Amino acid sequence: MRIQSRVLGGVLVATLLAQLTACGSIFYPERRGQIDGHIDPAIAAFDAIGLLFYIIPGLIAFGIDFTTGAIYFPNNQTSQVDPQKLQPAINADGSVDNVKLQAILKTELGRSLPLDDPRLIQHKGSVQQLAMFGLSPSA
């Protein structure tokens, strides 16, 4: 009887540890339930670190993250702001005031975007590009 309880306890501990090895399930539990999508390279790298220790924990981590869908980027999350609400961020010369734009996006989306980051790449548009999207230039 004592050996059976030790085996049962060992299986229980192994099962719980297997659940903890899946990084995507730990870091992003809200991603669970996805079927497919683009693989998050950070989660895949963390799962691959498990392969360095032993093969079995790494394979379990990949298996759990693929099975639960936590390894995939979230697909259907979009945020849109009404273009009329963005008008106060456009200066008279057509340039965009990043401080005003950041404040508008914070109030509308509830997220703070780093628009003052020096790594941010800003592209200039043209009237033809606006027309392609069905927009008319107004500044």
C-alpha atoms as a PDB file:
ATOM      1  CA  MET A   1       0.000   0.000   0.000  1.00  0.00           C
ATOM      2  CA  ARG A   2       2.846   2.364   0.838  1.00  0.00           C
ATOM      3  CA  ILE A   3       4.482   1.885  -2.582  1.00  0.00           C
ATOM      4  CA  GLN A   4       1.205   2.633  -4.364  1.00  0.00           C
ATOM      5  CA  SER A   5       0.796   5.934  -2.536  1.00  0.00           C
ATOM      6  CA  ARG A   6       4.384   6.926  -3.381  1.00  0.00           C
ATOM      7  CA  VAL A   7       3.836   6.103  -7.035  1.00  0.00           C
ATOM      8  CA  LEU A   8       0.571   8.033  -7.046  1.00  0.00           C
ATOM      9  CA  GLY A   9       2.269  10.984  -5.340  1.00  0.00           C
ATOM     10  CA  GLY A  10       5.141  10.856  -7.819  1.00  0.00           C
ATOM     11  CA  VAL A  11       2.744  10.863 -10.762  1.00  0.00           C
ATOM     12  CA  LEU A  12       0.866  13.796  -9.233  1.00  0.00           C
ATOM     13  CA  VAL A  13       4.076  15.779  -8.691  1.00  0.00           C
ATOM     14  CA  ALA A  14       5.273  14.991 -12.235  1.00  0.00           C
ATOM     15  CA  THR A  15       1.939  16.126 -13.668  1.00  0.00           C
ATOM     16  CA  LEU A  16       2.028  19.404 -11.761  1.00  0.00           C
ATOM     17  CA  LEU A  17       5.630  20.057 -12.776  1.00  0.00           C
ATOM     18  CA  ALA A  18       4.755  19.351 -16.400  1.00  0.00           C
ATOM     19  CA  GLN A  19       2.063  22.025 -16.220  1.00  0.00           C
ATOM     20  CA  LEU A  20       4.592  24.529 -14.883  1.00  0.00           C
ATOM     21  CA  THR A  21       7.083  23.925 -17.684  1.00  0.00           C
ATOM     22  CA  ALA A  22       4.896  25.511 -20.351  1.00  0.00           C
ATOM     23  CA  CYS A  23       6.050  29.108 -20.505  1.00  0.00           C
ATOM     24  CA  GLY A  24       3.232  30.385 -22.697  1.00  0.00           C
ATOM     25  CA  SER A  25       0.658  29.062 -20.281  1.00  0.00           C
ATOM     26  CA  ILE A  26       2.420  30.810 -17.405  1.00  0.00           C
ATOM     27  CA  PHE A  27       3.183  34.159 -19.048  1.00  0.00           C
ATOM     28  CA  TYR A  28       0.018  34.532 -21.142  1.00  0.00           C
ATOM     29  CA  PRO A  29      -2.856  32.507 -19.691  1.00  0.00           C
ATOM     30  CA  GLU A  30      -5.328  34.653 -21.647  1.00  0.00           C
ATOM     31  CA  ARG A  31      -3.984  33.157 -24.889  1.00  0.00           C
ATOM     32  CA  ARG A  32      -5.213  29.669 -24.037  1.00  0.00           C
ATOM     33  CA  GLY A  33      -7.860  28.265 -26.329  1.00  0.00           C
ATOM     34  CA  GLN A  34      -6.421  29.504 -29.626  1.00  0.00           C
ATOM     35  CA  ILE A  35      -6.289  27.004 -32.437  1.00  0.00           C
ATOM     36  CA  ASP A  36      -3.620  28.508 -34.672  1.00  0.00           C
ATOM     37  CA  GLY A  37      -1.801  31.692 -35.555  1.00  0.00           C
ATOM     38  CA  HIS A  38       1.685  33.132 -35.633  1.00  0.00           C
ATOM     39  CA  ILE A  39       4.076  31.572 -33.129  1.00  0.00           C
ATOM     40  CA  ASP A  40       5.462  33.945 -30.508  1.00  0.00           C
ATOM     41  CA  PRO A  41       9.262  33.568 -30.825  1.00  0.00           C
ATOM     42  CA  ALA A  42       9.886  34.559 -27.202  1.00  0.00           C
ATOM     43  CA  ILE A  43       7.664  31.773 -25.882  1.00  0.00           C
ATOM     44  CA  ALA A  44       9.197  29.294 -28.330  1.00  0.00           C
ATOM     45  CA  ALA A  45      12.673  30.288 -27.101  1.00  0.00           C
ATOM     46  CA  PHE A  46      11.672  29.846 -23.464  1.00  0.00           C
ATOM     47  CA  ASP A  47      10.211  26.437 -24.266  1.00  0.00           C
ATOM     48  CA  ALA A  48      13.408  25.543 -26.127  1.00  0.00           C
ATOM     49  CA  ILE A  49      15.430  26.353 -23.017  1.00  0.00           C
ATOM     50  CA  GLY A  50      13.668  23.378 -21.453  1.00  0.00           C
ATOM     51  CA  LEU A  51      15.301  21.226 -24.129  1.00  0.00           C
ATOM     52  CA  LEU A  52      18.709  22.278 -22.798  1.00  0.00           C
ATOM     53  CA  PHE A  53      18.020  20.809 -19.371  1.00  0.00           C
ATOM     54  CA  TYR A  54      16.421  17.567 -20.478  1.00  0.00           C
ATOM     55  CA  ILE A  55      14.562  16.525 -23.592  1.00  0.00           C
ATOM     56  CA  ILE A  56      11.368  15.486 -21.822  1.00  0.00           C
ATOM     57  CA  PRO A  57      10.585  18.835 -20.058  1.00  0.00           C
ATOM     58  CA  GLY A  58      11.233  20.751 -23.284  1.00  0.00           C
ATOM     59  CA  LEU A  59       8.958  18.481 -25.289  1.00  0.00           C
ATOM     60  CA  ILE A  60       6.305  18.707 -22.586  1.00  0.00           C
ATOM     61  CA  ALA A  61       6.544  22.518 -22.636  1.00  0.00           C
ATOM     62  CA  PHE A  62       6.120  22.643 -26.400  1.00  0.00           C
ATOM     63  CA  GLY A  63       3.317  20.105 -26.256  1.00  0.00           C
ATOM     64  CA  ILE A  64       1.387  21.992 -23.602  1.00  0.00           C
ATOM     65  CA  ASP A  65       1.813  25.370 -25.283  1.00  0.00           C
ATOM     66  CA  PHE A  66       0.750  24.037 -28.686  1.00  0.00           C
ATOM     67  CA  THR A  67      -2.159  22.103 -27.178  1.00  0.00           C
ATOM     68  CA  THR A  68      -3.468  25.041 -25.170  1.00  0.00           C
ATOM     69  CA  GLY A  69      -2.669  27.575 -27.921  1.00  0.00           C
ATOM     70  CA  ALA A  70      -0.662  29.776 -25.564  1.00  0.00           C
ATOM     71  CA  ILE A  71       2.343  29.767 -27.917  1.00  0.00           C
ATOM     72  CA  TYR A  72       0.448  31.736 -30.567  1.00  0.00           C
ATOM     73  CA  PHE A  73       0.154  35.508 -30.777  1.00  0.00           C
ATOM     74  CA  PRO A  74      -3.399  36.727 -30.166  1.00  0.00           C
ATOM     75  CA  ASN A  75      -5.061  37.110 -33.573  1.00  0.00           C
ATOM     76  CA  ASN A  76      -8.324  38.939 -33.358  1.00  0.00           C
ATOM     77  CA  GLN A  77      -7.329  41.808 -31.119  1.00  0.00           C
ATOM     78  CA  THR A  78      -7.607  45.071 -32.961  1.00  0.00           C
ATOM     79  CA  SER A  79      -7.959  48.593 -31.756  1.00  0.00           C
ATOM     80  CA  GLN A  80      -9.508  51.315 -33.822  1.00  0.00           C
ATOM     81  CA  VAL A  81      -9.968  54.999 -33.150  1.00  0.00           C
ATOM     82  CA  ASP A  82     -12.425  57.207 -34.988  1.00  0.00           C
ATOM     83  CA  PRO A  83     -10.432  59.475 -37.350  1.00  0.00           C
ATOM     84  CA  GLN A  84     -12.424  62.483 -36.154  1.00  0.00           C
ATOM     85  CA  LYS A  85     -11.051  61.979 -32.653  1.00  0.00           C
ATOM     86  CA  LEU A  86      -7.512  62.082 -34.039  1.00  0.00           C
ATOM     87  CA  GLN A  87      -7.958  65.510 -35.644  1.00  0.00           C
ATOM     88  CA  PRO A  88      -6.723  67.494 -32.582  1.00  0.00           C
ATOM     89  CA  ALA A  89      -3.340  65.776 -32.909  1.00  0.00           C
ATOM     90  CA  ILE A  90      -2.777  67.180 -36.427  1.00  0.00           C
ATOM     91  CA  ASN A  91      -1.120  70.587 -36.604  1.00  0.00           C
ATOM     92  CA  ALA A  92      -2.021  73.267 -39.155  1.00  0.00           C
ATOM     93  CA  ASP A  93       0.952  72.330 -41.349  1.00  0.00           C
ATOM     94  CA  GLY A  94      -0.144  68.679 -41.481  1.00  0.00           C
ATOM     95  CA  SER A  95       2.432  67.351 -39.033  1.00  0.00           C
ATOM     96  CA  VAL A  96       1.411  65.155 -36.132  1.00  0.00           C
ATOM     97  CA  ASP A  97       1.908  66.267 -32.543  1.00  0.00           C
ATOM     98  CA  ASN A  98       3.107  63.086 -30.811  1.00  0.00           C
ATOM     99  CA  VAL A  99       2.200  64.295 -27.319  1.00  0.00           C
ATOM    100  CA  LYS A 100      -1.415  65.009 -28.285  1.00  0.00           C
ATOM    101  CA  LEU A 101      -1.632  61.774 -30.267  1.00  0.00           C
ATOM    102  CA  GLN A 102      -0.294  59.793 -27.327  1.00  0.00           C
ATOM    103  CA  ALA A 103      -2.866  61.395 -25.002  1.00  0.00           C
ATOM    104  CA  ILE A 104      -5.717  60.612 -27.425  1.00  0.00           C
ATOM    105  CA  LEU A 105      -4.619  57.002 -27.821  1.00  0.00           C
ATOM    106  CA  LYS A 106      -4.297  56.638 -24.048  1.00  0.00           C
ATOM    107  CA  THR A 107      -7.870  57.828 -23.482  1.00  0.00           C
ATOM    108  CA  GLU A 108      -9.400  55.898 -26.398  1.00  0.00           C
ATOM    109  CA  LEU A 109      -7.509  52.612 -26.187  1.00  0.00           C
ATOM    110  CA  GLY A 110      -6.450  52.584 -22.563  1.00  0.00           C
ATOM    111  CA  ARG A 111      -2.877  51.810 -23.594  1.00  0.00           C
ATOM    112  CA  SER A 112       0.198  53.973 -23.484  1.00  0.00           C
ATOM    113  CA  LEU A 113       2.158  53.776 -26.713  1.00  0.00           C
ATOM    114  CA  PRO A 114       5.801  54.957 -26.719  1.00  0.00           C
ATOM    115  CA  LEU A 115       5.552  57.501 -29.546  1.00  0.00           C
ATOM    116  CA  ASP A 116       8.597  59.365 -28.250  1.00  0.00           C
ATOM    117  CA  ASP A 117      10.843  56.308 -28.510  1.00  0.00           C
ATOM    118  CA  PRO A 118      13.869  57.096 -30.714  1.00  0.00           C
ATOM    119  CA  ARG A 119      13.590  53.653 -32.338  1.00  0.00           C
ATOM    120  CA  LEU A 120      10.140  54.514 -33.710  1.00  0.00           C
ATOM    121  CA  ILE A 121      10.159  54.694 -37.494  1.00  0.00           C
ATOM    122  CA  GLN A 122       7.782  57.287 -38.895  1.00  0.00           C
ATOM    123  CA  HIS A 123       6.744  57.163 -42.524  1.00  0.00           C
ATOM    124  CA  LYS A 124       5.475  60.094 -44.511  1.00  0.00           C
ATOM    125  CA  GLY A 125       2.346  59.499 -46.532  1.00  0.00           C
ATOM    126  CA  SER A 126       1.051  60.981 -49.749  1.00  0.00           C
ATOM    127  CA  VAL A 127      -2.311  62.050 -51.120  1.00  0.00           C
ATOM    128  CA  GLN A 128      -2.344  58.974 -53.362  1.00  0.00           C
ATOM    129  CA  GLN A 129      -1.962  56.677 -50.371  1.00  0.00           C
ATOM    130  CA  LEU A 130      -4.859  58.382 -48.609  1.00  0.00           C
ATOM    131  CA  ALA A 131      -7.023  58.044 -51.717  1.00  0.00           C
ATOM    132  CA  MET A 132      -6.144  54.355 -51.923  1.00  0.00           C
ATOM    133  CA  PHE A 133      -7.663  53.884 -48.448  1.00  0.00           C
ATOM    134  CA  GLY A 134     -10.710  55.975 -49.326  1.00  0.00           C
ATOM    135  CA  LEU A 135      -9.599  58.940 -47.184  1.00  0.00           C
ATOM    136  CA  SER A 136      -9.452  62.563 -48.193  1.00  0.00           C
ATOM    137  CA  PRO A 137      -6.615  64.806 -47.019  1.00  0.00           C
ATOM    138  CA  SER A 138      -7.633  67.493 -44.574  1.00  0.00           C
ATOM    139  CA  ALA A 139      -5.299  69.366 -42.324  1.00  0.00           C
END
